[in-house]
Amino acid sequence: MKKFSHFYPILLFSFFTAVQINAQTVDVVVHKNGKSQEEKIDIPKSMTYPLDSLLNDWQVKNFIDQQKECSTSPLNPVFADSVYINRLQRIPAVMELPYNEIVRKFIDLYTGHMRNHVSFMLSASNFYIPIFEEALDAYDLPMELKYLPVIESSFNPSAVSRVGAAGLWQFMIYTGKQYGLEINSLVDERRDPIKSTWAAARYLKDLYNIYHDWNLVIAAYNCGPNNINKAIRRCNGKADYWAIYNYLPRETRGYVPAFIAANYVMTYYCNHNICPMETNIPISTDTIQINRNLHFDQISAMLNISKKEIKSLNPQYKRDIIPGESHTYALRLPQSGISHFIDHEDSIYTYHVEELLPNRRIVEAENVSVPTYSRSSSSSSYSRHSRRNSYKKRHSSRKHNKGKSHTIKNGETLSDIAKHYHVTVKQLKRSNHIKGNTIRAGKKIKIHR
C-alpha cells in the first residue's frame, strides 16, 4: 500500500468557512492562486434523502428497532486535522484515502447534520454488506468499495435518482443492460440487491482496467468515463482525480471526498458518539424458480405472507407480477414459505388467475371485412410509386379483359367461375348486376377485373 503525505499535495487550494447545506449543494469559498472565489459543490443525492423515507421499507420496519435507546449523543466531538489523517491512514485499505479540507467538510456532514442517517445506515448495512463483500472478493476488488452504496443510495434498494438511476448501486438503464441486468415494464434487476451488486463489481473491475486508479474509477462510476476522459484531456493528460478536480462536474467534485468520508464514518462512528440502530437477525430466506406468470396477491393469499414482505424480498418486480412464461425467474420467500409453495404450487398459480392476470392470449375480431390486398409491414399506406404501378396493372387488366364473356355450364357456380378467371365473386356480381348467388346454365356473363 502506498504512503501519502498528510495533505494531498496536488490539491493547490484550500477551503475555509463552515459548510452550509442549501438544498443539494455545499457552499464553500475557494482560495486558488492567491484569489478567493465562492464555489458550490453538489452533494450526492443520497445525502438529501429524508430519514423517514429510509425507515419506511418493510425490512427496515421489521428488523431495525428504531425505538430502542442506544448511546448516540447529540454531541459531536471536534478533533484536530492530525487525528483525522491518522485514522484514515489506519484503515486497512488498498485505495487512497487522503485527507484535505474538502474531505473534512463531508466528515462534518456525516458526523453532524446526518448523524441519524449514519445510525440507520450502520444498522441497514447488516442486510447488505455481506452481499457486497462476497462479490468484491470474487472479483479481487478493494473491500472499501462496500461503502460506495452509502453515497449512492444510503442502502435503499428502491432509490431512484433525478436522472433515472435506480437501486443500491444506482445503475442507469443503459449501463445496467450492458452488465446483464434485465430491465423492462415488469422487471428491473437494478433493484435486486444480489444481481445489481455482482453487476456493479464487474463494472468497477472494467473501469479499473481503464484507469488503474481507484479515485478515478469511482469518479467515473458517478459521472461516466466520457466526462473523466474529457477532464484528463483538459488537464494535459494528468490521470489524477485531484489534478482534474476543477474540470469535473459539480457533483463529481464532491463524490470522492464523500466516499472517503463514508469510509471514515462507517469505521470511526463510535468516536463521534454515534451508534447503530438496534438490528434483529432477519428470518432466513430461500429462492424458488418460477416458470409461469404469477402475481404477488396469489402468493400472499395462499401462503399467508404479507404482500409488503414479498415486495421487500423481491424489489426487482415493478408491478407485483413475475412474468415466468417468458423465462424462469427467482422468487425469494421466507424459508417456511418455500415448502408450502411447493406443496400448493398448482393452487397458487390458479388462484384468481383470470382476475389478477387478465392478459388475453387470443381474441376474435367480429364483423371485420378482410381486404383483398396486403400492405407493406413497414408502411401504413402505399407509396406513390406502388399506387402508380397498381393503377397501371388494373388499367392494363381491364383493357385486356374488356368484352370478355363466359357461358355458364351446367352445375357451375359463381365461385367456380371466379376461381377460373382469377377474380372475386363480388366482382362477378357487380359486373353482371347479380344480387343473389343463383345463376342459370347457358347464360353468358361478363368477366371484368
Protein backbone atom coordinates (compact mmCIF):
# COMPACT_ATOMS: atom_id res chain seq x y z
CA MET A 1 0.00 0.00 0.00
CA LYS A 2 1.32 3.45 -0.92
CA LYS A 3 2.09 6.06 1.72
CA PHE A 4 0.73 9.55 1.29
CA SER A 5 1.55 12.89 2.83
CA HIS A 6 -0.90 14.34 5.30
CA PHE A 7 -2.36 16.82 2.86
CA TYR A 8 -2.61 15.64 -0.71
CA PRO A 9 -0.03 17.83 -2.48
CA ILE A 10 -1.70 18.14 -5.89
CA LEU A 11 -4.71 19.97 -4.44
CA LEU A 12 -3.35 23.52 -4.61
CA PHE A 13 -6.21 25.36 -2.99
CA SER A 14 -7.75 25.44 0.46
CA PHE A 15 -11.26 25.83 1.85
CA PHE A 16 -12.50 27.83 4.76
CA THR A 17 -15.86 28.75 6.33
CA ALA A 18 -18.32 26.27 7.73
CA VAL A 19 -20.34 24.02 5.45
CA GLN A 20 -23.79 25.33 4.60
CA ILE A 21 -26.28 22.90 3.05
CA ASN A 22 -28.59 24.64 0.60
CA ALA A 23 -30.87 22.00 -0.91
CA GLN A 24 -28.36 19.76 -2.72
CA THR A 25 -25.17 21.84 -2.64
CA VAL A 26 -22.38 22.71 -0.24
CA ASP A 27 -21.28 26.34 -0.36
CA VAL A 28 -17.57 26.94 0.09
CA VAL A 29 -15.08 29.72 -0.54
CA VAL A 30 -12.04 28.65 -2.53
CA HIS A 31 -8.56 30.16 -2.40
CA LYS A 32 -6.89 29.43 -5.70
CA ASN A 33 -3.67 31.01 -6.98
CA GLY A 34 -3.94 33.78 -4.41
CA LYS A 35 -7.56 34.60 -5.29
CA SER A 36 -10.79 33.90 -3.39
CA GLN A 37 -13.97 32.77 -5.07
CA GLU A 38 -17.24 31.20 -3.99
CA GLU A 39 -17.99 27.72 -5.21
CA LYS A 40 -20.88 25.28 -4.88
CA ILE A 41 -20.22 21.56 -4.65
CA ASP A 42 -23.18 19.32 -5.40
CA ILE A 43 -23.57 16.71 -2.69
CA PRO A 44 -24.58 13.15 -3.55
CA LYS A 45 -28.34 12.67 -3.86
CA SER A 46 -28.36 10.06 -1.08
CA MET A 47 -27.27 12.71 1.42
CA THR A 48 -30.54 14.58 0.83
CA TYR A 49 -32.93 11.66 1.42
CA PRO A 50 -35.31 12.31 4.34
CA LEU A 51 -34.66 9.78 7.08
CA ASP A 52 -38.38 8.93 7.25
CA SER A 53 -38.28 7.62 3.67
CA LEU A 54 -35.32 5.36 4.51
CA LEU A 55 -37.12 3.95 7.55
CA ASN A 56 -40.27 3.13 5.57
CA ASP A 57 -39.09 -0.12 3.97
CA TRP A 58 -40.77 -3.31 5.21
CA GLN A 59 -37.44 -4.96 6.05
CA VAL A 60 -36.29 -1.89 7.99
CA LYS A 61 -39.55 -1.68 9.92
CA ASN A 62 -39.40 -5.33 10.90
CA PHE A 63 -35.73 -5.80 11.68
CA ILE A 64 -34.48 -2.39 12.83
CA ASP A 65 -35.70 -1.32 16.26
CA GLN A 66 -36.00 2.45 15.95
CA GLN A 67 -37.35 2.89 19.46
CA LYS A 68 -34.64 1.09 21.39
CA GLU A 69 -32.33 3.52 23.18
CA CYS A 70 -28.67 3.49 22.21
CA SER A 71 -25.68 5.60 23.12
CA THR A 72 -25.94 8.11 20.26
CA SER A 73 -25.36 11.54 21.67
CA PRO A 74 -26.19 14.92 20.13
CA LEU A 75 -22.64 15.98 20.98
CA ASN A 76 -20.15 15.57 18.17
CA PRO A 77 -16.53 15.84 19.36
CA VAL A 78 -14.19 18.09 17.39
CA PHE A 79 -10.79 16.65 16.50
CA ALA A 80 -7.59 18.12 15.13
CA ASP A 81 -6.69 17.51 11.49
CA SER A 82 -3.88 15.23 12.58
CA VAL A 83 -6.40 12.89 14.22
CA TYR A 84 -8.42 12.53 11.01
CA ILE A 85 -5.25 11.98 8.99
CA ASN A 86 -4.06 9.29 11.36
CA ARG A 87 -7.42 7.50 11.46
CA LEU A 88 -7.78 7.43 7.68
CA GLN A 89 -4.29 6.01 7.27
CA ARG A 90 -5.08 3.27 9.82
CA ILE A 91 -7.99 1.93 7.76
CA PRO A 92 -6.70 -1.28 6.08
CA ALA A 93 -7.25 -0.14 2.51
CA VAL A 94 -5.87 -0.61 -0.99
CA MET A 95 -7.49 2.61 -2.16
CA GLU A 96 -6.10 6.07 -1.47
CA LEU A 97 -7.98 7.69 1.42
CA PRO A 98 -6.21 11.07 1.66
CA TYR A 99 -7.31 13.93 3.87
CA ASN A 100 -7.90 17.57 2.98
CA GLU A 101 -10.39 20.28 3.83
CA ILE A 102 -12.96 19.02 1.31
CA VAL A 103 -12.93 15.56 2.90
CA ARG A 104 -13.24 17.26 6.29
CA LYS A 105 -16.41 19.07 5.15
CA PHE A 106 -18.05 15.76 4.29
CA ILE A 107 -16.91 14.11 7.52
CA ASP A 108 -18.51 17.02 9.36
CA LEU A 109 -21.71 16.50 7.36
CA TYR A 110 -21.95 12.79 8.23
CA THR A 111 -20.99 13.20 11.89
CA GLY A 112 -23.04 16.35 12.40
CA HIS A 113 -26.11 17.09 10.29
CA MET A 114 -26.52 13.43 9.21
CA ARG A 115 -25.86 11.62 12.50
CA ASN A 116 -29.24 9.88 12.47
CA HIS A 117 -28.74 8.83 8.84
CA VAL A 118 -25.43 7.25 9.80
CA SER A 119 -27.10 5.43 12.69
CA PHE A 120 -29.64 4.00 10.23
CA MET A 121 -27.02 3.04 7.61
CA LEU A 122 -24.89 1.26 10.19
CA SER A 123 -27.87 -0.90 11.02
CA ALA A 124 -29.03 -1.43 7.41
CA SER A 125 -25.51 -2.42 6.43
CA ASN A 126 -26.11 -5.72 8.25
CA PHE A 127 -28.51 -6.65 5.42
CA TYR A 128 -26.26 -5.72 2.52
CA ILE A 129 -22.55 -5.62 3.45
CA PRO A 130 -22.18 -9.46 3.37
CA ILE A 131 -23.61 -9.44 -0.18
CA PHE A 132 -21.21 -6.66 -1.23
CA GLU A 133 -18.17 -8.31 0.34
CA GLU A 134 -18.81 -11.63 -1.41
CA ALA A 135 -18.95 -10.03 -4.87
CA LEU A 136 -15.97 -7.72 -4.26
CA ASP A 137 -13.89 -10.63 -3.02
CA ALA A 138 -14.83 -12.75 -6.05
CA TYR A 139 -13.52 -10.04 -8.40
CA ASP A 140 -10.50 -9.25 -6.19
CA LEU A 141 -11.67 -5.66 -5.63
CA PRO A 142 -10.89 -3.42 -2.62
CA MET A 143 -13.27 -4.04 0.27
CA GLU A 144 -13.51 -0.27 0.78
CA LEU A 145 -15.90 -0.23 -2.19
CA LYS A 146 -18.58 -1.80 0.01
CA TYR A 147 -19.31 1.75 1.22
CA LEU A 148 -19.97 3.09 -2.29
CA PRO A 149 -23.74 2.50 -1.83
CA VAL A 150 -23.59 4.79 1.23
CA ILE A 151 -23.17 7.73 -1.13
CA GLU A 152 -25.13 6.16 -3.99
CA SER A 153 -28.34 5.16 -2.23
CA SER A 154 -27.98 5.26 1.58
CA PHE A 155 -28.62 1.48 1.45
CA ASN A 156 -32.07 2.00 -0.05
CA PRO A 157 -32.70 -0.66 -2.78
CA SER A 158 -35.70 1.32 -4.08
CA ALA A 159 -33.78 4.57 -4.50
CA VAL A 160 -34.29 6.38 -7.84
CA SER A 161 -32.25 9.45 -8.77
CA ARG A 162 -33.48 12.52 -10.59
CA VAL A 163 -31.84 11.24 -13.79
CA GLY A 164 -33.33 7.74 -13.55
CA ALA A 165 -30.55 5.74 -11.88
CA ALA A 166 -32.02 3.03 -9.65
CA GLY A 167 -31.20 0.57 -6.89
CA LEU A 168 -28.49 0.23 -4.27
CA TRP A 169 -25.77 0.85 -6.88
CA GLN A 170 -27.73 3.45 -8.89
CA PHE A 171 -27.37 1.93 -12.34
CA MET A 172 -28.65 3.83 -15.35
CA ILE A 173 -30.73 1.70 -17.74
CA TYR A 174 -28.07 1.57 -20.49
CA THR A 175 -25.24 0.60 -18.15
CA GLY A 176 -27.43 -1.90 -16.28
CA LYS A 177 -28.30 -3.70 -19.52
CA GLN A 178 -24.65 -3.67 -20.58
CA TYR A 179 -23.87 -5.64 -17.43
CA GLY A 180 -26.63 -8.18 -17.83
CA LEU A 181 -29.43 -6.67 -15.74
CA GLU A 182 -32.92 -7.22 -17.14
CA ILE A 183 -34.98 -4.03 -17.31
CA ASN A 184 -38.46 -3.93 -18.85
CA SER A 185 -42.04 -2.99 -17.94
CA LEU A 186 -42.33 -5.72 -15.29
CA VAL A 187 -38.78 -6.41 -14.12
CA ASP A 188 -35.98 -4.09 -13.02
CA GLU A 189 -33.00 -6.06 -11.77
CA ARG A 190 -31.20 -2.84 -10.83
CA ARG A 191 -33.33 -3.10 -7.66
CA ASP A 192 -32.23 -6.68 -6.96
CA PRO A 193 -29.54 -6.37 -4.24
CA ILE A 194 -27.69 -9.51 -5.29
CA LYS A 195 -27.76 -9.22 -9.09
CA SER A 196 -27.03 -5.48 -9.07
CA THR A 197 -24.08 -6.00 -6.70
CA TRP A 198 -22.44 -8.54 -8.99
CA ALA A 199 -23.06 -6.28 -11.98
CA ALA A 200 -21.51 -3.35 -10.08
CA ALA A 201 -18.43 -5.45 -9.25
CA ARG A 202 -17.93 -6.28 -12.94
CA TYR A 203 -18.37 -2.63 -13.91
CA LEU A 204 -15.87 -1.42 -11.29
CA LYS A 205 -13.39 -4.06 -12.44
CA ASP A 206 -13.72 -2.86 -16.04
CA LEU A 207 -13.25 0.78 -15.02
CA TYR A 208 -10.11 -0.09 -13.10
CA ASN A 209 -8.71 -1.84 -16.18
CA ILE A 210 -9.12 1.51 -17.96
CA TYR A 211 -7.76 3.96 -15.36
CA HIS A 212 -5.66 1.90 -12.90
CA ASP A 213 -6.55 4.49 -10.25
CA TRP A 214 -9.36 3.85 -7.79
CA ASN A 215 -10.29 7.51 -7.23
CA LEU A 216 -10.73 7.93 -10.98
CA VAL A 217 -12.72 4.68 -11.03
CA ILE A 218 -15.31 5.84 -8.52
CA ALA A 219 -15.40 9.30 -10.13
CA ALA A 220 -16.12 7.58 -13.47
CA TYR A 221 -18.76 5.46 -11.72
CA ASN A 222 -20.50 8.71 -10.79
CA CYS A 223 -20.27 10.79 -13.97
CA GLY A 224 -19.27 8.27 -16.66
CA PRO A 225 -15.94 7.59 -18.39
CA ASN A 226 -16.56 10.24 -21.07
CA ASN A 227 -16.54 13.06 -18.50
CA ILE A 228 -13.39 11.70 -16.87
CA ASN A 229 -11.60 11.37 -20.21
CA LYS A 230 -12.59 14.91 -21.15
CA ALA A 231 -11.30 16.27 -17.82
CA ILE A 232 -7.98 14.40 -18.25
CA ARG A 233 -7.53 15.90 -21.74
CA ARG A 234 -8.25 19.40 -20.42
CA CYS A 235 -5.64 18.82 -17.70
CA ASN A 236 -2.93 17.95 -20.22
CA GLY A 237 -3.25 14.21 -19.68
CA LYS A 238 -2.92 14.14 -15.88
CA ALA A 239 -4.77 11.00 -14.81
CA ASP A 240 -5.30 12.00 -11.18
CA TYR A 241 -8.61 12.85 -9.54
CA TRP A 242 -7.28 15.80 -7.54
CA ALA A 243 -5.46 17.21 -10.56
CA ILE A 244 -8.60 17.15 -12.75
CA TYR A 245 -10.87 18.24 -9.87
CA ASN A 246 -11.71 21.65 -11.38
CA TYR A 247 -12.69 20.11 -14.72
CA LEU A 248 -15.19 17.67 -13.27
CA PRO A 249 -18.98 18.06 -12.99
CA ARG A 250 -20.02 19.71 -9.71
CA GLU A 251 -21.45 16.56 -8.15
CA THR A 252 -18.35 14.53 -9.01
CA ARG A 253 -16.19 17.10 -7.23
CA GLY A 254 -17.91 16.08 -4.04
CA TYR A 255 -18.17 12.38 -4.86
CA VAL A 256 -14.69 11.13 -3.99
CA PRO A 257 -14.46 13.28 -0.82
CA ALA A 258 -17.88 11.92 0.21
CA PHE A 259 -16.68 8.36 -0.42
CA ILE A 260 -13.60 8.91 1.75
CA ALA A 261 -15.80 10.46 4.44
CA ALA A 262 -18.19 7.48 4.24
CA ASN A 263 -15.31 5.07 4.86
CA TYR A 264 -14.22 7.22 7.80
CA VAL A 265 -17.62 7.50 9.48
CA MET A 266 -18.58 3.83 8.95
CA THR A 267 -15.31 2.91 10.68
CA TYR A 268 -14.99 5.56 13.44
CA TYR A 269 -18.65 6.28 14.25
CA CYS A 270 -18.11 5.40 17.92
CA ASN A 271 -15.55 8.19 18.23
CA HIS A 272 -18.30 10.63 17.25
CA ASN A 273 -20.85 9.27 19.75
CA ILE A 274 -22.95 7.60 17.01
CA CYS A 275 -24.30 4.12 17.50
CA PRO A 276 -26.22 1.83 15.10
CA MET A 277 -29.94 1.41 15.48
CA GLU A 278 -30.69 -1.96 17.03
CA THR A 279 -30.88 -4.69 14.39
CA ASN A 280 -32.63 -8.01 14.82
CA ILE A 281 -31.44 -11.01 12.83
CA PRO A 282 -33.62 -11.30 9.69
CA ILE A 283 -35.54 -14.52 9.16
CA SER A 284 -33.82 -16.97 6.82
CA THR A 285 -34.96 -16.89 3.22
CA ASP A 286 -34.56 -19.04 0.12
CA THR A 287 -35.50 -18.87 -3.56
CA ILE A 288 -37.71 -20.95 -5.80
CA GLN A 289 -37.77 -20.89 -9.60
CA ILE A 290 -40.95 -19.58 -11.24
CA ASN A 291 -41.79 -20.68 -14.80
CA ARG A 292 -45.39 -19.42 -15.06
CA ASN A 293 -46.88 -15.97 -14.70
CA LEU A 294 -47.54 -15.24 -11.05
CA HIS A 295 -48.96 -12.30 -9.09
CA PHE A 296 -47.86 -11.31 -5.59
CA ASP A 297 -51.51 -11.35 -4.49
CA GLN A 298 -51.71 -15.05 -5.35
CA ILE A 299 -48.67 -15.78 -3.20
CA SER A 300 -49.86 -13.60 -0.34
CA ALA A 301 -53.35 -15.11 -0.19
CA MET A 302 -52.31 -18.75 -0.48
CA LEU A 303 -49.20 -18.65 1.73
CA ASN A 304 -50.46 -16.12 4.25
CA ILE A 305 -47.43 -13.86 3.76
CA SER A 306 -47.95 -10.12 3.68
CA LYS A 307 -47.65 -8.53 0.27
CA LYS A 308 -45.27 -5.90 1.70
CA GLU A 309 -42.90 -8.65 2.81
CA ILE A 310 -42.97 -10.28 -0.62
CA LYS A 311 -42.28 -6.92 -2.28
CA SER A 312 -39.42 -6.19 0.11
CA LEU A 313 -37.81 -9.56 -0.57
CA ASN A 314 -38.31 -9.19 -4.34
CA PRO A 315 -37.87 -5.47 -5.18
CA GLN A 316 -36.96 -6.23 -8.80
CA TYR A 317 -40.60 -6.91 -9.77
CA LYS A 318 -42.08 -3.50 -10.57
CA ARG A 319 -45.79 -4.40 -10.98
CA ASP A 320 -46.10 -7.24 -8.47
CA ILE A 321 -46.04 -9.69 -11.38
CA ILE A 322 -43.43 -12.35 -12.14
CA PRO A 323 -43.56 -12.99 -15.92
CA GLY A 324 -42.45 -16.60 -15.63
CA GLU A 325 -43.77 -17.62 -19.04
CA SER A 326 -41.12 -15.52 -20.81
CA HIS A 327 -38.34 -17.33 -18.95
CA THR A 328 -37.57 -18.65 -15.47
CA TYR A 329 -37.35 -16.12 -12.61
CA ALA A 330 -36.36 -16.45 -8.96
CA LEU A 331 -38.83 -15.74 -6.16
CA ARG A 332 -37.41 -15.13 -2.68
CA LEU A 333 -39.58 -16.17 0.27
CA PRO A 334 -39.13 -16.90 3.98
CA GLN A 335 -37.72 -20.40 4.43
CA SER A 336 -41.02 -21.64 5.86
CA GLY A 337 -42.89 -20.43 2.77
CA ILE A 338 -40.79 -22.40 0.28
CA SER A 339 -42.07 -25.85 1.24
CA HIS A 340 -45.63 -24.51 1.47
CA PHE A 341 -45.28 -23.10 -2.05
CA ILE A 342 -44.05 -26.44 -3.41
CA ASP A 343 -46.92 -28.33 -1.73
CA HIS A 344 -49.60 -25.96 -3.11
CA GLU A 345 -47.99 -24.85 -6.36
CA ASP A 346 -50.90 -25.59 -8.72
CA SER A 347 -53.42 -23.95 -6.41
CA ILE A 348 -51.26 -20.84 -6.12
CA TYR A 349 -50.91 -20.43 -9.89
CA THR A 350 -54.66 -20.85 -10.50
CA TYR A 351 -55.88 -18.69 -7.59
CA HIS A 352 -57.95 -15.81 -9.07
CA VAL A 353 -55.80 -16.03 -12.19
CA GLU A 354 -58.44 -14.52 -14.50
CA GLU A 355 -58.84 -11.55 -12.18
CA LEU A 356 -55.18 -10.91 -11.34
CA LEU A 357 -53.60 -11.88 -14.68
CA PRO A 358 -56.29 -10.99 -17.26
CA ASN A 359 -53.98 -10.76 -20.25
CA ARG A 360 -55.91 -12.42 -23.14
CA ARG A 361 -53.98 -14.86 -25.32
CA ILE A 362 -56.44 -14.92 -28.27
CA VAL A 363 -59.20 -12.52 -29.29
CA GLU A 364 -61.70 -12.82 -32.14
CA ALA A 365 -62.40 -9.83 -34.36
CA GLU A 366 -66.08 -9.85 -35.30
CA ASN A 367 -67.75 -8.27 -38.40
CA VAL A 368 -64.44 -7.32 -39.96
CA SER A 369 -64.12 -7.46 -43.76
CA VAL A 370 -60.78 -8.74 -44.97
CA PRO A 371 -59.20 -6.57 -47.71
CA THR A 372 -58.19 -8.21 -50.96
CA TYR A 373 -54.73 -6.63 -50.89
CA SER A 374 -51.96 -6.59 -48.34
CA ARG A 375 -49.95 -3.63 -47.24
CA SER A 376 -46.26 -3.43 -46.53
CA SER A 377 -45.40 -4.06 -42.87
CA SER A 378 -43.03 -1.12 -42.96
CA SER A 379 -45.65 1.39 -44.08
CA SER A 380 -49.29 2.14 -43.29
CA SER A 381 -50.06 3.15 -46.91
CA TYR A 382 -48.84 2.55 -50.42
CA SER A 383 -46.05 4.73 -51.68
CA ARG A 384 -46.79 6.89 -54.72
CA HIS A 385 -44.70 4.52 -56.81
CA SER A 386 -46.68 1.49 -55.61
CA ARG A 387 -50.04 3.20 -56.26
CA ARG A 388 -48.93 4.16 -59.77
CA ASN A 389 -47.85 0.60 -60.59
CA SER A 390 -51.07 -0.77 -59.10
CA TYR A 391 -53.13 1.60 -61.23
CA LYS A 392 -51.23 0.61 -64.40
CA LYS A 393 -51.79 -3.07 -63.71
CA ARG A 394 -55.52 -2.61 -63.11
CA HIS A 395 -55.91 -0.40 -66.18
CA SER A 396 -53.99 -2.88 -68.38
CA SER A 397 -56.03 -5.76 -66.99
CA ARG A 398 -59.31 -4.02 -67.74
CA LYS A 399 -58.26 -3.32 -71.34
CA HIS A 400 -57.17 -6.92 -71.77
CA ASN A 401 -60.45 -8.29 -70.39
CA LYS A 402 -62.79 -5.76 -71.98
CA GLY A 403 -65.69 -7.56 -73.71
CA LYS A 404 -64.66 -10.99 -72.47
CA SER A 405 -67.55 -13.26 -71.50
CA HIS A 406 -68.21 -16.75 -70.24
CA THR A 407 -71.08 -19.11 -70.97
CA ILE A 408 -72.29 -20.74 -67.79
CA LYS A 409 -72.10 -24.53 -67.88
CA ASN A 410 -74.43 -26.89 -66.13
CA GLY A 411 -73.51 -27.21 -62.43
CA GLU A 412 -71.12 -24.26 -62.39
CA THR A 413 -71.24 -21.78 -59.52
CA LEU A 414 -70.09 -18.18 -59.27
CA SER A 415 -67.25 -19.37 -57.09
CA ASP A 416 -66.07 -21.83 -59.81
CA ILE A 417 -66.09 -19.13 -62.48
CA ALA A 418 -64.39 -16.58 -60.27
CA LYS A 419 -61.60 -19.01 -59.44
CA HIS A 420 -61.10 -19.90 -63.13
CA TYR A 421 -60.69 -16.24 -64.17
CA HIS A 422 -58.80 -15.12 -61.06
CA VAL A 423 -61.48 -12.66 -59.99
CA THR A 424 -63.73 -12.46 -56.96
CA VAL A 425 -67.37 -13.42 -56.68
CA LYS A 426 -68.06 -9.84 -55.68
CA GLN A 427 -66.53 -8.58 -58.95
CA LEU A 428 -68.65 -11.00 -60.99
CA LYS A 429 -71.83 -9.89 -59.23
CA ARG A 430 -71.01 -6.21 -59.67
CA SER A 431 -70.14 -6.57 -63.39
CA ASN A 432 -73.33 -8.55 -64.15
CA HIS A 433 -75.75 -6.93 -61.65
CA ILE A 434 -76.32 -10.25 -59.90
CA LYS A 435 -77.95 -9.86 -56.47
CA GLY A 436 -78.06 -13.39 -55.15
CA ASN A 437 -75.96 -16.47 -55.81
CA THR A 438 -78.29 -18.16 -58.33
CA ILE A 439 -77.12 -18.40 -61.96
CA ARG A 440 -78.57 -20.34 -64.95
CA ALA A 441 -76.71 -22.68 -67.30
CA GLY A 442 -76.37 -21.34 -70.87
CA LYS A 443 -76.39 -17.68 -69.86
CA LYS A 444 -73.38 -15.52 -70.67
CA ILE A 445 -71.77 -13.34 -68.03
CA LYS A 446 -69.14 -10.63 -68.45
CA ILE A 447 -65.70 -11.03 -66.95
CA HIS A 448 -64.17 -7.78 -65.69
CA ARG A 449 -61.44 -7.48 -63.13
